[in-house]
N, C-alpha and C. Protein backbone atom coordinates (compact mmCIF):
# COMPACT_ATOMS: atom_id res chain seq x y z
N UNK A 1 15.12 12.39 -16.27
CA UNK A 1 14.88 11.85 -14.94
C UNK A 1 15.77 10.63 -14.75
N UNK A 2 16.48 10.60 -13.63
CA UNK A 2 17.35 9.49 -13.29
C UNK A 2 16.59 8.51 -12.41
N UNK A 3 16.53 7.24 -12.86
CA UNK A 3 15.77 6.21 -12.14
C UNK A 3 16.70 5.21 -11.46
N UNK A 4 16.33 4.86 -10.23
CA UNK A 4 17.11 3.95 -9.39
C UNK A 4 16.23 2.75 -9.05
N UNK A 5 16.87 1.58 -8.92
CA UNK A 5 16.15 0.36 -8.53
C UNK A 5 16.93 -0.37 -7.45
N UNK A 6 16.21 -0.97 -6.53
CA UNK A 6 16.83 -1.82 -5.51
C UNK A 6 15.91 -3.00 -5.24
N UNK A 7 16.45 -4.03 -4.63
CA UNK A 7 15.74 -5.29 -4.38
C UNK A 7 15.85 -5.68 -2.91
N UNK A 8 14.84 -6.39 -2.42
CA UNK A 8 14.93 -6.90 -1.07
C UNK A 8 13.64 -7.52 -0.59
N UNK A 9 13.71 -8.07 0.63
CA UNK A 9 12.57 -8.68 1.29
C UNK A 9 11.88 -7.65 2.19
N UNK A 10 12.65 -6.80 2.84
CA UNK A 10 12.15 -5.72 3.69
C UNK A 10 11.12 -6.22 4.71
N UNK A 11 11.45 -7.34 5.35
CA UNK A 11 10.61 -7.87 6.42
C UNK A 11 11.01 -7.17 7.72
N UNK A 12 10.08 -6.94 8.59
CA UNK A 12 10.32 -6.21 9.85
C UNK A 12 11.05 -4.89 9.55
N UNK A 13 10.41 -4.08 8.74
CA UNK A 13 10.97 -2.81 8.29
C UNK A 13 11.56 -2.03 9.47
N UNK A 14 12.83 -1.62 9.33
CA UNK A 14 13.54 -0.93 10.42
C UNK A 14 14.33 0.25 9.87
N UNK A 15 14.97 0.99 10.77
CA UNK A 15 15.68 2.21 10.38
C UNK A 15 16.84 1.95 9.43
N UNK A 16 17.42 0.78 9.45
CA UNK A 16 18.46 0.45 8.47
C UNK A 16 17.89 0.36 7.06
N UNK A 17 16.70 -0.23 6.96
CA UNK A 17 16.01 -0.28 5.66
C UNK A 17 15.71 1.13 5.16
N UNK A 18 15.16 1.95 6.06
CA UNK A 18 14.78 3.31 5.67
C UNK A 18 16.01 4.10 5.22
N UNK A 19 17.10 3.95 5.93
CA UNK A 19 18.34 4.65 5.56
C UNK A 19 18.84 4.19 4.18
N UNK A 20 18.76 2.90 3.90
CA UNK A 20 19.16 2.39 2.58
C UNK A 20 18.27 2.97 1.49
N UNK A 21 16.96 2.99 1.72
CA UNK A 21 16.03 3.54 0.75
C UNK A 21 16.26 5.03 0.54
N UNK A 22 16.54 5.74 1.61
CA UNK A 22 16.81 7.18 1.53
C UNK A 22 18.07 7.44 0.69
N UNK A 23 19.12 6.71 0.96
CA UNK A 23 20.38 6.91 0.21
C UNK A 23 20.24 6.48 -1.24
N UNK A 24 19.47 5.43 -1.50
CA UNK A 24 19.23 5.00 -2.88
C UNK A 24 18.47 6.09 -3.63
N UNK A 25 17.45 6.64 -3.00
CA UNK A 25 16.63 7.68 -3.64
C UNK A 25 17.43 8.94 -3.90
N UNK A 26 18.40 9.25 -3.03
CA UNK A 26 19.24 10.43 -3.22
C UNK A 26 20.09 10.34 -4.49
N UNK A 27 20.27 9.13 -5.02
CA UNK A 27 21.06 8.94 -6.24
C UNK A 27 20.29 9.30 -7.50
N UNK A 28 18.98 9.48 -7.38
CA UNK A 28 18.18 9.78 -8.57
C UNK A 28 16.89 10.51 -8.23
N UNK A 29 16.00 10.52 -9.22
CA UNK A 29 14.72 11.22 -9.10
C UNK A 29 13.56 10.29 -8.83
N UNK A 30 13.77 9.00 -8.98
CA UNK A 30 12.69 8.01 -8.85
C UNK A 30 13.29 6.71 -8.34
N UNK A 31 12.65 6.12 -7.31
CA UNK A 31 13.14 4.86 -6.75
C UNK A 31 12.08 3.77 -6.89
N UNK A 32 12.46 2.71 -7.59
CA UNK A 32 11.64 1.50 -7.68
C UNK A 32 12.23 0.47 -6.74
N UNK A 33 11.37 -0.11 -5.89
CA UNK A 33 11.79 -1.19 -5.00
C UNK A 33 11.16 -2.48 -5.53
N UNK A 34 11.99 -3.48 -5.76
CA UNK A 34 11.51 -4.78 -6.21
C UNK A 34 11.49 -5.67 -4.97
N UNK A 35 10.29 -6.03 -4.56
CA UNK A 35 10.05 -6.71 -3.30
C UNK A 35 9.84 -8.20 -3.51
N UNK A 36 10.64 -9.01 -2.82
CA UNK A 36 10.53 -10.46 -2.94
C UNK A 36 9.15 -10.94 -2.50
N UNK A 37 8.52 -11.75 -3.34
CA UNK A 37 7.22 -12.32 -2.99
C UNK A 37 7.41 -13.40 -1.92
N UNK A 38 6.32 -13.79 -1.30
CA UNK A 38 6.38 -14.86 -0.29
C UNK A 38 6.89 -16.16 -0.91
N UNK A 39 6.42 -16.46 -2.12
CA UNK A 39 6.84 -17.69 -2.81
C UNK A 39 8.34 -17.66 -3.12
N UNK A 40 8.83 -16.51 -3.59
CA UNK A 40 10.26 -16.40 -3.90
C UNK A 40 11.09 -16.50 -2.62
N UNK A 41 10.63 -15.89 -1.54
CA UNK A 41 11.34 -16.01 -0.26
C UNK A 41 11.44 -17.47 0.18
N UNK A 42 10.36 -18.22 -0.01
CA UNK A 42 10.41 -19.65 0.35
C UNK A 42 11.46 -20.38 -0.49
N UNK A 43 11.53 -20.06 -1.79
CA UNK A 43 12.55 -20.68 -2.65
C UNK A 43 13.96 -20.34 -2.18
N UNK A 44 14.14 -19.13 -1.62
CA UNK A 44 15.44 -18.69 -1.11
C UNK A 44 15.71 -19.24 0.29
N UNK A 45 14.72 -19.92 0.88
CA UNK A 45 14.88 -20.46 2.23
C UNK A 45 14.67 -19.42 3.31
N UNK A 46 14.00 -18.31 2.97
CA UNK A 46 13.73 -17.25 3.94
C UNK A 46 12.32 -17.38 4.49
N UNK A 47 12.23 -17.25 5.80
CA UNK A 47 10.92 -17.22 6.43
C UNK A 47 10.63 -15.79 6.83
N UNK A 48 9.51 -15.25 6.36
CA UNK A 48 9.17 -13.86 6.66
C UNK A 48 8.06 -13.79 7.68
N UNK A 49 8.05 -12.71 8.43
CA UNK A 49 7.00 -12.47 9.42
C UNK A 49 5.78 -11.86 8.75
N UNK A 50 6.02 -10.83 7.92
CA UNK A 50 4.94 -10.14 7.23
C UNK A 50 4.77 -10.70 5.82
N UNK A 51 3.54 -10.85 5.40
CA UNK A 51 3.23 -11.30 4.04
C UNK A 51 3.57 -10.20 3.03
N UNK A 52 3.67 -10.59 1.76
CA UNK A 52 4.04 -9.67 0.69
C UNK A 52 3.19 -8.40 0.70
N UNK A 53 1.88 -8.54 0.72
CA UNK A 53 0.99 -7.37 0.64
C UNK A 53 1.22 -6.41 1.81
N UNK A 54 1.51 -6.93 2.99
CA UNK A 54 1.79 -6.08 4.15
C UNK A 54 3.11 -5.35 3.96
N UNK A 55 4.14 -6.07 3.48
CA UNK A 55 5.45 -5.45 3.26
C UNK A 55 5.37 -4.40 2.15
N UNK A 56 4.58 -4.70 1.12
CA UNK A 56 4.38 -3.74 0.02
C UNK A 56 3.70 -2.48 0.55
N UNK A 57 2.67 -2.65 1.35
CA UNK A 57 1.94 -1.53 1.94
C UNK A 57 2.89 -0.62 2.75
N UNK A 58 3.74 -1.23 3.56
CA UNK A 58 4.70 -0.46 4.36
C UNK A 58 5.67 0.31 3.46
N UNK A 59 6.21 -0.36 2.45
CA UNK A 59 7.17 0.31 1.56
C UNK A 59 6.51 1.46 0.79
N UNK A 60 5.28 1.27 0.37
CA UNK A 60 4.60 2.33 -0.37
C UNK A 60 4.35 3.56 0.51
N UNK A 61 4.36 3.39 1.82
CA UNK A 61 4.17 4.50 2.75
C UNK A 61 5.47 5.26 3.02
N UNK A 62 6.59 4.73 2.60
CA UNK A 62 7.89 5.37 2.81
C UNK A 62 8.07 6.46 1.75
N UNK A 63 8.35 7.68 2.19
CA UNK A 63 8.41 8.81 1.27
C UNK A 63 9.51 8.69 0.20
N UNK A 64 10.51 7.89 0.42
CA UNK A 64 11.61 7.76 -0.54
C UNK A 64 11.27 6.81 -1.68
N UNK A 65 10.21 6.02 -1.53
CA UNK A 65 9.85 4.97 -2.49
C UNK A 65 8.76 5.50 -3.44
N UNK A 66 9.02 5.36 -4.75
CA UNK A 66 8.06 5.82 -5.75
C UNK A 66 7.22 4.68 -6.33
N UNK A 67 7.78 3.48 -6.35
CA UNK A 67 7.09 2.35 -6.98
C UNK A 67 7.58 1.05 -6.35
N UNK A 68 6.66 0.10 -6.15
CA UNK A 68 7.00 -1.22 -5.62
C UNK A 68 6.46 -2.27 -6.60
N UNK A 69 7.35 -3.17 -7.03
CA UNK A 69 6.95 -4.25 -7.93
C UNK A 69 7.44 -5.58 -7.35
N UNK A 70 6.83 -6.70 -7.75
CA UNK A 70 7.22 -7.99 -7.17
C UNK A 70 8.48 -8.58 -7.78
N UNK A 71 9.24 -9.26 -6.91
CA UNK A 71 10.38 -10.08 -7.36
C UNK A 71 9.97 -11.54 -7.21
N UNK A 72 10.00 -12.26 -8.32
CA UNK A 72 9.57 -13.66 -8.31
C UNK A 72 10.69 -14.63 -8.69
N UNK A 73 11.81 -14.09 -9.18
CA UNK A 73 12.93 -14.93 -9.61
C UNK A 73 14.23 -14.14 -9.56
N UNK A 74 15.35 -14.85 -9.39
CA UNK A 74 16.67 -14.21 -9.41
C UNK A 74 16.95 -13.59 -10.78
N UNK A 75 16.39 -14.16 -11.82
CA UNK A 75 16.77 -13.81 -13.20
C UNK A 75 16.02 -12.64 -13.81
N UNK A 76 15.17 -11.96 -13.06
CA UNK A 76 14.36 -10.90 -13.65
C UNK A 76 15.03 -9.54 -13.67
N UNK A 77 16.21 -9.40 -13.10
CA UNK A 77 16.83 -8.08 -12.93
C UNK A 77 17.06 -7.34 -14.25
N UNK A 78 17.57 -8.02 -15.26
CA UNK A 78 17.83 -7.36 -16.55
C UNK A 78 16.51 -6.86 -17.15
N UNK A 79 15.47 -7.68 -17.09
CA UNK A 79 14.17 -7.29 -17.61
C UNK A 79 13.63 -6.09 -16.83
N UNK A 80 13.75 -6.12 -15.50
CA UNK A 80 13.29 -5.00 -14.68
C UNK A 80 14.02 -3.71 -15.05
N UNK A 81 15.31 -3.80 -15.22
CA UNK A 81 16.12 -2.62 -15.56
C UNK A 81 15.69 -2.05 -16.91
N UNK A 82 15.54 -2.92 -17.88
CA UNK A 82 15.18 -2.47 -19.22
C UNK A 82 13.74 -1.95 -19.29
N UNK A 83 12.80 -2.66 -18.68
CA UNK A 83 11.39 -2.27 -18.80
C UNK A 83 11.03 -1.05 -17.96
N UNK A 84 11.86 -0.71 -16.99
CA UNK A 84 11.61 0.46 -16.15
C UNK A 84 12.58 1.61 -16.44
N UNK A 85 13.38 1.48 -17.51
CA UNK A 85 14.34 2.52 -17.90
C UNK A 85 15.23 2.95 -16.75
N UNK A 86 15.84 1.97 -16.08
CA UNK A 86 16.65 2.21 -14.88
C UNK A 86 18.05 2.71 -15.25
N UNK A 87 18.53 3.69 -14.49
CA UNK A 87 19.87 4.23 -14.66
C UNK A 87 20.85 3.68 -13.64
N UNK A 88 20.37 3.38 -12.41
CA UNK A 88 21.27 2.94 -11.34
C UNK A 88 20.63 1.77 -10.59
N UNK A 89 21.38 0.69 -10.47
CA UNK A 89 21.00 -0.48 -9.67
C UNK A 89 21.72 -0.36 -8.34
N UNK A 90 20.98 -0.45 -7.23
CA UNK A 90 21.56 -0.28 -5.89
C UNK A 90 21.29 -1.51 -5.04
N UNK A 91 22.33 -1.96 -4.33
CA UNK A 91 22.19 -3.02 -3.33
C UNK A 91 23.10 -2.69 -2.16
N UNK A 92 22.86 -3.34 -1.03
CA UNK A 92 23.75 -3.20 0.11
C UNK A 92 25.10 -3.80 -0.19
N UNK A 93 26.12 -3.29 0.48
CA UNK A 93 27.49 -3.73 0.17
C UNK A 93 27.80 -5.16 0.58
N UNK A 94 26.88 -5.82 1.29
CA UNK A 94 27.08 -7.24 1.57
C UNK A 94 26.90 -8.07 0.29
N UNK A 95 26.38 -7.47 -0.77
CA UNK A 95 26.23 -8.11 -2.07
C UNK A 95 27.32 -7.66 -3.06
N UNK A 96 28.32 -6.94 -2.57
CA UNK A 96 29.34 -6.36 -3.46
C UNK A 96 29.92 -7.40 -4.41
N UNK A 97 29.91 -7.06 -5.69
CA UNK A 97 30.45 -7.92 -6.74
C UNK A 97 29.45 -8.87 -7.36
N UNK A 98 28.38 -9.21 -6.65
CA UNK A 98 27.41 -10.19 -7.14
C UNK A 98 26.64 -9.71 -8.37
N UNK A 99 26.48 -8.40 -8.50
CA UNK A 99 25.65 -7.89 -9.58
C UNK A 99 26.42 -7.00 -10.56
N UNK A 100 27.73 -7.12 -10.56
CA UNK A 100 28.55 -6.32 -11.47
C UNK A 100 28.20 -6.56 -12.93
N UNK A 101 27.68 -7.75 -13.26
CA UNK A 101 27.31 -8.06 -14.64
C UNK A 101 26.21 -7.12 -15.16
N UNK A 102 25.49 -6.48 -14.26
CA UNK A 102 24.43 -5.55 -14.67
C UNK A 102 24.98 -4.22 -15.17
N UNK A 103 26.28 -4.00 -15.02
CA UNK A 103 26.88 -2.74 -15.47
C UNK A 103 26.80 -2.58 -16.99
N UNK A 104 26.47 -3.65 -17.71
CA UNK A 104 26.23 -3.55 -19.15
C UNK A 104 24.90 -2.86 -19.44
N UNK A 105 24.03 -2.76 -18.43
CA UNK A 105 22.69 -2.22 -18.60
C UNK A 105 22.47 -0.90 -17.87
N UNK A 106 23.21 -0.69 -16.76
CA UNK A 106 23.06 0.54 -15.97
C UNK A 106 24.25 0.62 -15.02
N UNK A 107 24.33 1.72 -14.30
CA UNK A 107 25.35 1.87 -13.26
C UNK A 107 24.98 0.95 -12.10
N UNK A 108 25.99 0.32 -11.50
CA UNK A 108 25.78 -0.55 -10.35
C UNK A 108 26.44 0.09 -9.14
N UNK A 109 25.67 0.22 -8.05
CA UNK A 109 26.16 0.90 -6.85
C UNK A 109 25.86 0.03 -5.62
N UNK A 110 26.87 -0.19 -4.79
CA UNK A 110 26.70 -0.93 -3.54
C UNK A 110 26.83 0.07 -2.39
N UNK A 111 25.77 0.18 -1.60
CA UNK A 111 25.77 1.11 -0.47
C UNK A 111 26.10 0.39 0.82
N UNK A 112 26.86 1.06 1.67
CA UNK A 112 27.23 0.49 2.97
C UNK A 112 25.97 0.26 3.80
N UNK A 113 25.92 -0.91 4.41
CA UNK A 113 24.78 -1.23 5.29
C UNK A 113 24.87 -0.42 6.57
N UNK A 114 23.72 -0.14 7.15
CA UNK A 114 23.67 0.54 8.44
C UNK A 114 24.14 -0.43 9.50
N UNK A 115 25.10 -0.02 10.28
CA UNK A 115 25.70 -0.91 11.29
C UNK A 115 24.75 -1.17 12.45
N UNK A 116 24.90 -2.35 13.04
CA UNK A 116 24.20 -2.74 14.27
C UNK A 116 22.68 -2.87 14.14
N UNK A 117 22.19 -3.11 12.92
CA UNK A 117 20.76 -3.35 12.73
C UNK A 117 20.56 -4.24 11.50
N UNK A 118 19.69 -5.22 11.65
CA UNK A 118 19.29 -6.08 10.53
C UNK A 118 18.03 -6.82 10.96
N UNK A 119 17.31 -7.33 10.00
CA UNK A 119 16.13 -8.13 10.31
C UNK A 119 16.53 -9.38 11.08
N UNK A 120 17.65 -9.99 10.68
CA UNK A 120 18.14 -11.18 11.38
C UNK A 120 18.41 -10.86 12.85
N UNK A 121 19.06 -9.73 13.11
CA UNK A 121 19.36 -9.31 14.48
C UNK A 121 18.06 -9.12 15.28
N UNK A 122 17.09 -8.46 14.68
CA UNK A 122 15.81 -8.23 15.36
C UNK A 122 15.15 -9.56 15.70
N UNK A 123 15.12 -10.49 14.75
CA UNK A 123 14.51 -11.80 14.99
C UNK A 123 15.23 -12.56 16.09
N UNK A 124 16.56 -12.46 16.12
CA UNK A 124 17.33 -13.13 17.19
C UNK A 124 17.00 -12.51 18.55
N UNK A 125 16.91 -11.19 18.60
CA UNK A 125 16.59 -10.51 19.86
C UNK A 125 15.18 -10.89 20.34
N UNK A 126 14.23 -10.93 19.41
CA UNK A 126 12.87 -11.30 19.77
C UNK A 126 12.78 -12.75 20.23
N UNK A 127 13.56 -13.63 19.61
CA UNK A 127 13.58 -15.04 20.01
C UNK A 127 14.13 -15.16 21.44
N UNK A 128 15.15 -14.36 21.76
CA UNK A 128 15.73 -14.37 23.10
C UNK A 128 14.74 -13.88 24.15
N UNK A 129 13.97 -12.86 23.80
CA UNK A 129 12.95 -12.34 24.72
C UNK A 129 11.87 -13.40 24.93
N UNK A 130 11.48 -14.06 23.86
CA UNK A 130 10.41 -15.05 23.95
C UNK A 130 10.84 -16.25 24.82
N UNK A 131 12.12 -16.55 24.82
CA UNK A 131 12.63 -17.69 25.59
C UNK A 131 12.82 -17.34 27.06
N UNK A 132 12.88 -16.06 27.37
CA UNK A 132 13.09 -15.62 28.77
C UNK A 132 11.89 -15.86 29.64
């Protein structure tokens, strides 16, 4: 069985997220999503709309996702890969090169982001509507 892992906040889950998860899952037989906790997002300077448990619930309902575990630190990736017997690490191509060091532990793959959609874009659009 080929296992794939990806990381993210997945706030305001949208079709770009689903497409990334679908393409990641197509690379293997099992997809683990490592979801940033609320505390870790605060450390990263990210403000989320949905709390961790809500985001986890949504991800677990996505047919492409087999397992969701918490991300609490930048440094846990090697441990996650080893403890979950991961074959492929996947991230969006906006992170290209940042995780190449993981190639000592598994294959590293950067997938093209879905164009014209992002959580940041949605938040900006909603802020504009609220100001109108």
